[in-house]
């Protein structure tokens, strides 16, 4: 029974690793998608809600800025809220 359980757990772990490896370009753990990366940081003036000339702002239907977006080198478009939390993405095409 212990061997079967160990086998199932190791199989599950391997499948999770492979799935994450296949989707690495979309993963929030990928440096290119992290708000710790200066390109995606809310402290970067380009991404700041205080920059009225920013071209990467994301707005709701009433015109209120809710965040910003950036494209990673792999082509993934990352959407962040104004504080730098990744709230969505669009996979590379």
PDB file of N, CA and C in Angstrom:
ATOM      1  N   UNK A   1       0.823  -1.192   0.000  1.00  0.00           N
ATOM      2  CA  UNK A   1       0.000   0.000   0.000  1.00  0.00           C
ATOM      3  C   UNK A   1       0.870   1.260   0.000  1.00  0.00           C
ATOM      4  N   UNK A   2       1.938   1.245   0.792  1.00  0.00           N
ATOM      5  CA  UNK A   2       2.825   2.417   0.841  1.00  0.00           C
ATOM      6  C   UNK A   2       3.495   2.638  -0.504  1.00  0.00           C
ATOM      7  N   UNK A   3       3.861   1.542  -1.179  1.00  0.00           N
ATOM      8  CA  UNK A   3       4.492   1.673  -2.494  1.00  0.00           C
ATOM      9  C   UNK A   3       3.520   2.259  -3.514  1.00  0.00           C
ATOM     10  N   UNK A   4       2.284   1.802  -3.467  1.00  0.00           N
ATOM     11  CA  UNK A   4       1.282   2.311  -4.389  1.00  0.00           C
ATOM     12  C   UNK A   4       1.060   3.806  -4.147  1.00  0.00           C
ATOM     13  N   UNK A   5       0.945   4.183  -2.890  1.00  0.00           N
ATOM     14  CA  UNK A   5       0.754   5.590  -2.547  1.00  0.00           C
ATOM     15  C   UNK A   5       1.955   6.429  -2.983  1.00  0.00           C
ATOM     16  N   UNK A   6       3.145   5.920  -2.741  1.00  0.00           N
ATOM     17  CA  UNK A   6       4.362   6.631  -3.151  1.00  0.00           C
ATOM     18  C   UNK A   6       4.419   6.776  -4.668  1.00  0.00           C
ATOM     19  N   UNK A   7       4.033   5.725  -5.371  1.00  0.00           N
ATOM     20  CA  UNK A   7       4.027   5.777  -6.834  1.00  0.00           C
ATOM     21  C   UNK A   7       3.028   6.813  -7.338  1.00  0.00           C
ATOM     22  N   UNK A   8       1.826   6.809  -6.769  1.00  0.00           N
ATOM     23  CA  UNK A   8       0.803   7.764  -7.193  1.00  0.00           C
ATOM     24  C   UNK A   8       1.219   9.200  -6.913  1.00  0.00           C
ATOM     25  N   UNK A   9       1.814   9.427  -5.751  1.00  0.00           N
ATOM     26  CA  UNK A   9       2.269  10.777  -5.420  1.00  0.00           C
ATOM     27  C   UNK A   9       3.396  11.229  -6.340  1.00  0.00           C
ATOM     28  N   UNK A  10       4.334  10.317  -6.635  1.00  0.00           N
ATOM     29  CA  UNK A  10       5.435  10.689  -7.527  1.00  0.00           C
ATOM     30  C   UNK A  10       4.923  10.932  -8.942  1.00  0.00           C
ATOM     31  N   UNK A  11       3.930  10.147  -9.380  1.00  0.00           N
ATOM     32  CA  UNK A  11       3.342  10.354 -10.704  1.00  0.00           C
ATOM     33  C   UNK A  11       2.639  11.702 -10.785  1.00  0.00           C
ATOM     34  N   UNK A  12       1.906  12.035  -9.747  1.00  0.00           N
ATOM     35  CA  UNK A  12       1.218  13.318  -9.701  1.00  0.00           C
ATOM     36  C   UNK A  12       2.217  14.465  -9.718  1.00  0.00           C
ATOM     37  N   UNK A  13       3.293  14.340  -8.931  1.00  0.00           N
ATOM     38  CA  UNK A  13       4.327  15.370  -8.882  1.00  0.00           C
ATOM     39  C   UNK A  13       4.955  15.560 -10.247  1.00  0.00           C
ATOM     40  N   UNK A  14       5.269  14.463 -10.930  1.00  0.00           N
ATOM     41  CA  UNK A  14       5.887  14.551 -12.255  1.00  0.00           C
ATOM     42  C   UNK A  14       4.947  15.202 -13.267  1.00  0.00           C
ATOM     43  N   UNK A  15       3.655  14.855 -13.208  1.00  0.00           N
ATOM     44  CA  UNK A  15       2.716  15.445 -14.161  1.00  0.00           C
ATOM     45  C   UNK A  15       2.544  16.935 -13.903  1.00  0.00           C
ATOM     46  N   UNK A  16       2.564  17.347 -12.635  1.00  0.00           N
ATOM     47  CA  UNK A  16       2.487  18.772 -12.311  1.00  0.00           C
ATOM     48  C   UNK A  16       3.726  19.490 -12.820  1.00  0.00           C
ATOM     49  N   UNK A  17       4.894  18.877 -12.651  1.00  0.00           N
ATOM     50  CA  UNK A  17       6.143  19.482 -13.132  1.00  0.00           C
ATOM     51  C   UNK A  17       6.124  19.635 -14.644  1.00  0.00           C
ATOM     52  N   UNK A  18       5.662  18.601 -15.345  1.00  0.00           N
ATOM     53  CA  UNK A  18       5.613  18.668 -16.802  1.00  0.00           C
ATOM     54  C   UNK A  18       4.608  19.711 -17.273  1.00  0.00           C
ATOM     55  N   UNK A  19       3.467  19.772 -16.615  1.00  0.00           N
ATOM     56  CA  UNK A  19       2.465  20.767 -17.001  1.00  0.00           C
ATOM     57  C   UNK A  19       3.000  22.172 -16.792  1.00  0.00           C
ATOM     58  N   UNK A  20       3.720  22.376 -15.689  1.00  0.00           N
ATOM     59  CA  UNK A  20       4.270  23.699 -15.422  1.00  0.00           C
ATOM     60  C   UNK A  20       5.371  24.017 -16.427  1.00  0.00           C
ATOM     61  N   UNK A  21       6.176  23.011 -16.787  1.00  0.00           N
ATOM     62  CA  UNK A  21       7.239  23.235 -17.763  1.00  0.00           C
ATOM     63  C   UNK A  21       6.657  23.591 -19.122  1.00  0.00           C
ATOM     64  N   UNK A  22       5.551  22.953 -19.498  1.00  0.00           N
ATOM     65  CA  UNK A  22       4.924  23.242 -20.783  1.00  0.00           C
ATOM     66  C   UNK A  22       4.293  24.627 -20.807  1.00  0.00           C
ATOM     67  N   UNK A  23       3.900  25.147 -19.683  1.00  0.00           N
ATOM     68  CA  UNK A  23       3.259  26.451 -19.607  1.00  0.00           C
ATOM     69  C   UNK A  23       4.152  27.496 -18.940  1.00  0.00           C
ATOM     70  N   UNK A  24       5.451  27.292 -18.969  1.00  0.00           N
ATOM     71  CA  UNK A  24       6.382  28.188 -18.289  1.00  0.00           C
ATOM     72  C   UNK A  24       6.234  29.623 -18.785  1.00  0.00           C
ATOM     73  N   UNK A  25       5.986  29.804 -20.066  1.00  0.00           N
ATOM     74  CA  UNK A  25       5.885  31.174 -20.579  1.00  0.00           C
ATOM     75  C   UNK A  25       4.686  31.912 -19.976  1.00  0.00           C
ATOM     76  N   UNK A  26       3.664  31.181 -19.496  1.00  0.00           N
ATOM     77  CA  UNK A  26       2.492  31.804 -18.882  1.00  0.00           C
ATOM     78  C   UNK A  26       2.549  31.822 -17.361  1.00  0.00           C
ATOM     79  N   UNK A  27       3.523  31.150 -16.777  1.00  0.00           N
ATOM     80  CA  UNK A  27       3.579  30.968 -15.325  1.00  0.00           C
ATOM     81  C   UNK A  27       3.880  32.272 -14.590  1.00  0.00           C
ATOM     82  N   UNK A  28       3.183  32.520 -13.470  1.00  0.00           N
ATOM     83  CA  UNK A  28       3.522  33.699 -12.663  1.00  0.00           C
ATOM     84  C   UNK A  28       4.880  33.573 -11.995  1.00  0.00           C
ATOM     85  N   UNK A  29       5.444  32.349 -11.977  1.00  0.00           N
ATOM     86  CA  UNK A  29       6.780  32.142 -11.419  1.00  0.00           C
ATOM     87  C   UNK A  29       7.887  32.483 -12.415  1.00  0.00           C
ATOM     88  N   UNK A  30       7.535  32.679 -13.662  1.00  0.00           N
ATOM     89  CA  UNK A  30       8.492  33.081 -14.687  1.00  0.00           C
ATOM     90  C   UNK A  30       8.863  34.549 -14.434  1.00  0.00           C
ATOM     91  N   UNK A  31      10.154  34.846 -14.389  1.00  0.00           N
ATOM     92  CA  UNK A  31      10.636  36.206 -14.097  1.00  0.00           C
ATOM     93  C   UNK A  31       9.990  37.243 -15.013  1.00  0.00           C
ATOM     94  N   UNK A  32       9.750  36.888 -16.270  1.00  0.00           N
ATOM     95  CA  UNK A  32       9.160  37.834 -17.217  1.00  0.00           C
ATOM     96  C   UNK A  32       7.718  38.200 -16.871  1.00  0.00           C
ATOM     97  N   UNK A  33       7.067  37.395 -16.022  1.00  0.00           N
ATOM     98  CA  UNK A  33       5.683  37.649 -15.637  1.00  0.00           C
ATOM     99  C   UNK A  33       5.550  38.153 -14.204  1.00  0.00           C
ATOM    100  N   UNK A  34       6.647  38.368 -13.552  1.00  0.00           N
ATOM    101  CA  UNK A  34       6.648  38.746 -12.138  1.00  0.00           C
ATOM    102  C   UNK A  34       6.635  40.260 -11.961  1.00  0.00           C
ATOM    103  N   UNK A  35       5.904  40.722 -10.947  1.00  0.00           N
ATOM    104  CA  UNK A  35       5.918  42.164 -10.671  1.00  0.00           C
ATOM    105  C   UNK A  35       7.232  42.581 -10.007  1.00  0.00           C
ATOM    106  N   UNK A  36       8.062  41.607  -9.620  1.00  0.00           N
ATOM    107  CA  UNK A  36       9.398  41.927  -9.108  1.00  0.00           C
ATOM    108  C   UNK A  36      10.344  42.323 -10.238  1.00  0.00           C
ATOM    109  N   UNK A  37       9.987  42.006 -11.461  1.00  0.00           N
ATOM    110  CA  UNK A  37      10.736  42.415 -12.642  1.00  0.00           C
ATOM    111  C   UNK A  37      10.428  43.891 -12.888  1.00  0.00           C
ATOM    112  N   UNK A  38      11.451  44.719 -13.059  1.00  0.00           N
ATOM    113  CA  UNK A  38      11.263  46.170 -13.205  1.00  0.00           C
ATOM    114  C   UNK A  38      10.288  46.507 -14.326  1.00  0.00           C
ATOM    115  N   UNK A  39      10.302  45.741 -15.397  1.00  0.00           N
ATOM    116  CA  UNK A  39       9.389  45.999 -16.510  1.00  0.00           C
ATOM    117  C   UNK A  39       7.929  45.932 -16.058  1.00  0.00           C
ATOM    118  N   UNK A  40       7.635  45.092 -15.067  1.00  0.00           N
ATOM    119  CA  UNK A  40       6.265  44.889 -14.604  1.00  0.00           C
ATOM    120  C   UNK A  40       5.965  45.571 -13.270  1.00  0.00           C
ATOM    121  N   UNK A  41       6.898  46.301 -12.743  1.00  0.00           N
ATOM    122  CA  UNK A  41       6.747  46.898 -11.422  1.00  0.00           C
ATOM    123  C   UNK A  41       5.839  48.133 -11.453  1.00  0.00           C
ATOM    124  N   UNK A  42       4.960  48.273 -10.462  1.00  0.00           N
ATOM    125  CA  UNK A  42       4.157  49.491 -10.390  1.00  0.00           C
ATOM    126  C   UNK A  42       5.001  50.708 -10.030  1.00  0.00           C
ATOM    127  N   UNK A  43       6.236  50.492  -9.571  1.00  0.00           N
ATOM    128  CA  UNK A  43       7.151  51.589  -9.259  1.00  0.00           C
ATOM    129  C   UNK A  43       7.833  52.144 -10.508  1.00  0.00           C
ATOM    130  N   UNK A  44       7.755  51.420 -11.605  1.00  0.00           N
ATOM    131  CA  UNK A  44       8.282  51.885 -12.881  1.00  0.00           C
ATOM    132  C   UNK A  44       7.339  52.983 -13.380  1.00  0.00           C
ATOM    133  N   UNK A  45       7.859  54.149 -13.707  1.00  0.00           N
ATOM    134  CA  UNK A  45       7.039  55.291 -14.100  1.00  0.00           C
ATOM    135  C   UNK A  45       6.108  54.948 -15.258  1.00  0.00           C
ATOM    136  N   UNK A  46       6.551  54.106 -16.172  1.00  0.00           N
ATOM    137  CA  UNK A  46       5.708  53.722 -17.307  1.00  0.00           C
ATOM    138  C   UNK A  46       4.418  53.036 -16.849  1.00  0.00           C
ATOM    139  N   UNK A  47       4.479  52.329 -15.715  1.00  0.00           N
ATOM    140  CA  UNK A  47       3.328  51.580 -15.212  1.00  0.00           C
ATOM    141  C   UNK A  47       2.554  52.319 -14.127  1.00  0.00           C
ATOM    142  N   UNK A  48       3.033  53.438 -13.704  1.00  0.00           N
ATOM    143  CA  UNK A  48       2.450  54.165 -12.576  1.00  0.00           C
ATOM    144  C   UNK A  48       1.073  54.741 -12.896  1.00  0.00           C
ATOM    145  N   UNK A  49       0.120  54.606 -11.960  1.00  0.00           N
ATOM    146  CA  UNK A  49      -1.175  55.248 -12.173  1.00  0.00           C
ATOM    147  C   UNK A  49      -1.081  56.776 -12.155  1.00  0.00           C
ATOM    148  N   UNK A  50       0.037  57.318 -11.669  1.00  0.00           N
ATOM    149  CA  UNK A  50       0.255  58.764 -11.647  1.00  0.00           C
ATOM    150  C   UNK A  50       0.768  59.298 -12.983  1.00  0.00           C
ATOM    151  N   UNK A  51       1.165  58.397 -13.883  1.00  0.00           N
ATOM    152  CA  UNK A  51       1.657  58.805 -15.199  1.00  0.00           C
ATOM    153  C   UNK A  51       0.461  58.923 -16.141  1.00  0.00           C
ATOM    154  N   UNK A  52       0.034  60.123 -16.416  1.00  0.00           N
ATOM    155  CA  UNK A  52      -1.149  60.341 -17.249  1.00  0.00           C
ATOM    156  C   UNK A  52      -0.864  60.058 -18.722  1.00  0.00           C
ATOM    157  N   UNK A  53       0.410  59.977 -19.090  1.00  0.00           N
ATOM    158  CA  UNK A  53       0.781  59.707 -20.476  1.00  0.00           C
ATOM    159  C   UNK A  53       1.103  58.234 -20.717  1.00  0.00           C
ATOM    160  N   UNK A  54       0.862  57.402 -19.737  1.00  0.00           N
ATOM    161  CA  UNK A  54       1.143  55.976 -19.871  1.00  0.00           C
ATOM    162  C   UNK A  54       0.272  55.374 -20.974  1.00  0.00           C
ATOM    163  N   UNK A  55       0.885  54.553 -21.800  1.00  0.00           N
ATOM    164  CA  UNK A  55       0.148  53.938 -22.912  1.00  0.00           C
ATOM    165  C   UNK A  55      -0.286  52.506 -22.609  1.00  0.00           C
ATOM    166  N   UNK A  56      -0.007  52.019 -21.400  1.00  0.00           N
ATOM    167  CA  UNK A  56      -0.320  50.621 -21.089  1.00  0.00           C
ATOM    168  C   UNK A  56      -1.345  50.477 -19.966  1.00  0.00           C
ATOM    169  N   UNK A  57      -2.130  51.510 -19.713  1.00  0.00           N
ATOM    170  CA  UNK A  57      -3.139  51.452 -18.661  1.00  0.00           C
ATOM    171  C   UNK A  57      -4.313  50.562 -19.043  1.00  0.00           C
ATOM    172  N   UNK A  58      -4.932  49.955 -18.029  1.00  0.00           N
ATOM    173  CA  UNK A  58      -6.140  49.148 -18.207  1.00  0.00           C
ATOM    174  C   UNK A  58      -7.246  49.841 -17.431  1.00  0.00           C
ATOM    175  N   UNK A  59      -8.389  50.046 -18.077  1.00  0.00           N
ATOM    176  CA  UNK A  59      -9.468  50.829 -17.492  1.00  0.00           C
ATOM    177  C   UNK A  59     -10.759  50.024 -17.468  1.00  0.00           C
ATOM    178  N   UNK A  60     -11.604  50.320 -16.487  1.00  0.00           N
ATOM    179  CA  UNK A  60     -12.925  49.668 -16.437  1.00  0.00           C
ATOM    180  C   UNK A  60     -13.894  50.446 -17.332  1.00  0.00           C
ATOM    181  N   UNK A  61     -15.138  50.008 -17.376  1.00  0.00           N
ATOM    182  CA  UNK A  61     -16.130  50.635 -18.260  1.00  0.00           C
ATOM    183  C   UNK A  61     -16.446  52.080 -17.915  1.00  0.00           C
ATOM    184  N   UNK A  62     -16.195  52.478 -16.673  1.00  0.00           N
ATOM    185  CA  UNK A  62     -16.472  53.869 -16.289  1.00  0.00           C
ATOM    186  C   UNK A  62     -15.254  54.775 -16.478  1.00  0.00           C
ATOM    187  N   UNK A  63     -14.161  54.234 -16.992  1.00  0.00           N
ATOM    188  CA  UNK A  63     -12.969  55.035 -17.249  1.00  0.00           C
ATOM    189  C   UNK A  63     -11.978  55.079 -16.104  1.00  0.00           C
ATOM    190  N   UNK A  64     -12.241  54.348 -15.037  1.00  0.00           N
ATOM    191  CA  UNK A  64     -11.327  54.314 -13.891  1.00  0.00           C
ATOM    192  C   UNK A  64     -10.180  53.341 -14.188  1.00  0.00           C
ATOM    193  N   UNK A  65      -8.965  53.814 -13.974  1.00  0.00           N
ATOM    194  CA  UNK A  65      -7.805  52.950 -14.205  1.00  0.00           C
ATOM    195  C   UNK A  65      -7.763  51.862 -13.135  1.00  0.00           C
ATOM    196  N   UNK A  66      -7.695  50.616 -13.570  1.00  0.00           N
ATOM    197  CA  UNK A  66      -7.651  49.491 -12.635  1.00  0.00           C
ATOM    198  C   UNK A  66      -6.301  48.781 -12.655  1.00  0.00           C
ATOM    199  N   UNK A  67      -5.434  49.132 -13.585  1.00  0.00           N
ATOM    200  CA  UNK A  67      -4.129  48.483 -13.641  1.00  0.00           C
ATOM    201  C   UNK A  67      -3.378  48.826 -14.912  1.00  0.00           C
ATOM    202  N   UNK A  68      -2.463  47.931 -15.267  1.00  0.00           N
ATOM    203  CA  UNK A  68      -1.641  48.122 -16.452  1.00  0.00           C
ATOM    204  C   UNK A  68      -1.307  46.768 -17.047  1.00  0.00           C
ATOM    205  N   UNK A  69      -0.835  46.787 -18.286  1.00  0.00           N
ATOM    206  CA  UNK A  69      -0.444  45.555 -18.951  1.00  0.00           C
ATOM    207  C   UNK A  69       0.918  45.720 -19.599  1.00  0.00           C
ATOM    208  N   UNK A  70       1.633  44.615 -19.689  1.00  0.00           N
ATOM    209  CA  UNK A  70       2.933  44.575 -20.346  1.00  0.00           C
ATOM    210  C   UNK A  70       3.057  43.261 -21.091  1.00  0.00           C
ATOM    211  N   UNK A  71       3.841  43.270 -22.153  1.00  0.00           N
ATOM    212  CA  UNK A  71       4.079  42.038 -22.893  1.00  0.00           C
ATOM    213  C   UNK A  71       5.468  41.522 -22.573  1.00  0.00           C
ATOM    214  N   UNK A  72       5.548  40.225 -22.256  1.00  0.00           N
ATOM    215  CA  UNK A  72       6.832  39.603 -21.944  1.00  0.00           C
ATOM    216  C   UNK A  72       7.594  39.317 -23.234  1.00  0.00           C
ATOM    217  N   UNK A  73       8.897  39.035 -23.146  1.00  0.00           N
ATOM    218  CA  UNK A  73       9.663  38.687 -24.343  1.00  0.00           C
ATOM    219  C   UNK A  73       9.127  37.445 -25.069  1.00  0.00           C
ATOM    220  N   UNK A  74       8.424  36.562 -24.346  1.00  0.00           N
ATOM    221  CA  UNK A  74       7.847  35.374 -24.979  1.00  0.00           C
ATOM    222  C   UNK A  74       6.522  35.675 -25.666  1.00  0.00           C
ATOM    223  N   UNK A  75       5.998  36.898 -25.535  1.00  0.00           N
ATOM    224  CA  UNK A  75       4.757  37.280 -26.186  1.00  0.00           C
ATOM    225  C   UNK A  75       3.533  37.190 -25.302  1.00  0.00           C
ATOM    226  N   UNK A  76       3.692  36.828 -24.030  1.00  0.00           N
ATOM    227  CA  UNK A  76       2.572  36.762 -23.099  1.00  0.00           C
ATOM    228  C   UNK A  76       2.218  38.186 -22.666  1.00  0.00           C
ATOM    229  N   UNK A  77       0.956  38.547 -22.744  1.00  0.00           N
ATOM    230  CA  UNK A  77       0.513  39.847 -22.252  1.00  0.00           C
ATOM    231  C   UNK A  77       0.038  39.673 -20.822  1.00  0.00           C
ATOM    232  N   UNK A  78       0.731  40.307 -19.883  1.00  0.00           N
ATOM    233  CA  UNK A  78       0.412  40.220 -18.463  1.00  0.00           C
ATOM    234  C   UNK A  78      -0.388  41.441 -18.051  1.00  0.00           C
ATOM    235  N   UNK A  79      -1.429  41.210 -17.238  1.00  0.00           N
ATOM    236  CA  UNK A  79      -2.259  42.296 -16.727  1.00  0.00           C
ATOM    237  C   UNK A  79      -2.065  42.353 -15.215  1.00  0.00           C
ATOM    238  N   UNK A  80      -1.714  43.531 -14.714  1.00  0.00           N
ATOM    239  CA  UNK A  80      -1.464  43.756 -13.292  1.00  0.00           C
ATOM    240  C   UNK A  80      -2.443  44.796 -12.771  1.00  0.00           C
ATOM    241  N   UNK A  81      -2.796  44.705 -11.482  1.00  0.00           N
ATOM    242  CA  UNK A  81      -3.580  45.783 -10.884  1.00  0.00           C
ATOM    243  C   UNK A  81      -2.626  46.930 -10.564  1.00  0.00           C
ATOM    244  N   UNK A  82      -3.140  48.033 -10.056  1.00  0.00           N
ATOM    245  CA  UNK A  82      -2.313  49.213  -9.797  1.00  0.00           C
ATOM    246  C   UNK A  82      -1.234  48.991  -8.751  1.00  0.00           C
ATOM    247  N   UNK A  83      -1.371  47.959  -7.920  1.00  0.00           N
ATOM    248  CA  UNK A  83      -0.355  47.685  -6.900  1.00  0.00           C
ATOM    249  C   UNK A  83       0.650  46.627  -7.345  1.00  0.00           C
ATOM    250  N   UNK A  84       0.507  46.095  -8.562  1.00  0.00           N
ATOM    251  CA  UNK A  84       1.481  45.146  -9.089  1.00  0.00           C
ATOM    252  C   UNK A  84       1.110  43.686  -8.961  1.00  0.00           C
ATOM    253  N   UNK A  85      -0.103  43.377  -8.528  1.00  0.00           N
ATOM    254  CA  UNK A  85      -0.534  41.983  -8.468  1.00  0.00           C
ATOM    255  C   UNK A  85      -0.981  41.539  -9.854  1.00  0.00           C
ATOM    256  N   UNK A  86      -0.452  40.408 -10.303  1.00  0.00           N
ATOM    257  CA  UNK A  86      -0.834  39.883 -11.618  1.00  0.00           C
ATOM    258  C   UNK A  86      -2.260  39.356 -11.534  1.00  0.00           C
ATOM    259  N   UNK A  87      -3.166  39.958 -12.311  1.00  0.00           N
ATOM    260  CA  UNK A  87      -4.578  39.586 -12.236  1.00  0.00           C
ATOM    261  C   UNK A  87      -5.046  38.841 -13.472  1.00  0.00           C
ATOM    262  N   UNK A  88      -4.196  38.736 -14.474  1.00  0.00           N
ATOM    263  CA  UNK A  88      -4.582  38.005 -15.672  1.00  0.00           C
ATOM    264  C   UNK A  88      -3.473  38.024 -16.707  1.00  0.00           C
ATOM    265  N   UNK A  89      -3.703  37.261 -17.762  1.00  0.00           N
ATOM    266  CA  UNK A  89      -2.743  37.220 -18.851  1.00  0.00           C
ATOM    267  C   UNK A  89      -3.448  36.734 -20.112  1.00  0.00           C
ATOM    268  N   UNK A  90      -2.815  37.004 -21.224  1.00  0.00           N
ATOM    269  CA  UNK A  90      -3.240  36.468 -22.505  1.00  0.00           C
ATOM    270  C   UNK A  90      -2.042  35.707 -23.058  1.00  0.00           C
ATOM    271  N   UNK A  91      -2.187  34.408 -23.354  1.00  0.00           N
ATOM    272  CA  UNK A  91      -1.042  33.614 -23.811  1.00  0.00           C
ATOM    273  C   UNK A  91      -0.462  34.163 -25.107  1.00  0.00           C
ATOM    274  N   UNK A  92       0.783  33.802 -25.357  1.00  0.00           N
ATOM    275  CA  UNK A  92       1.447  34.190 -26.609  1.00  0.00           C
ATOM    276  C   UNK A  92       0.702  33.567 -27.781  1.00  0.00           C
ATOM    277  N   UNK A  93       0.675  34.259 -28.879  1.00  0.00           N
ATOM    278  CA  UNK A  93      -0.034  33.749 -30.058  1.00  0.00           C
ATOM    279  C   UNK A  93       0.884  33.024 -30.987  1.00  0.00           C
TER     280      UNK A  93
END
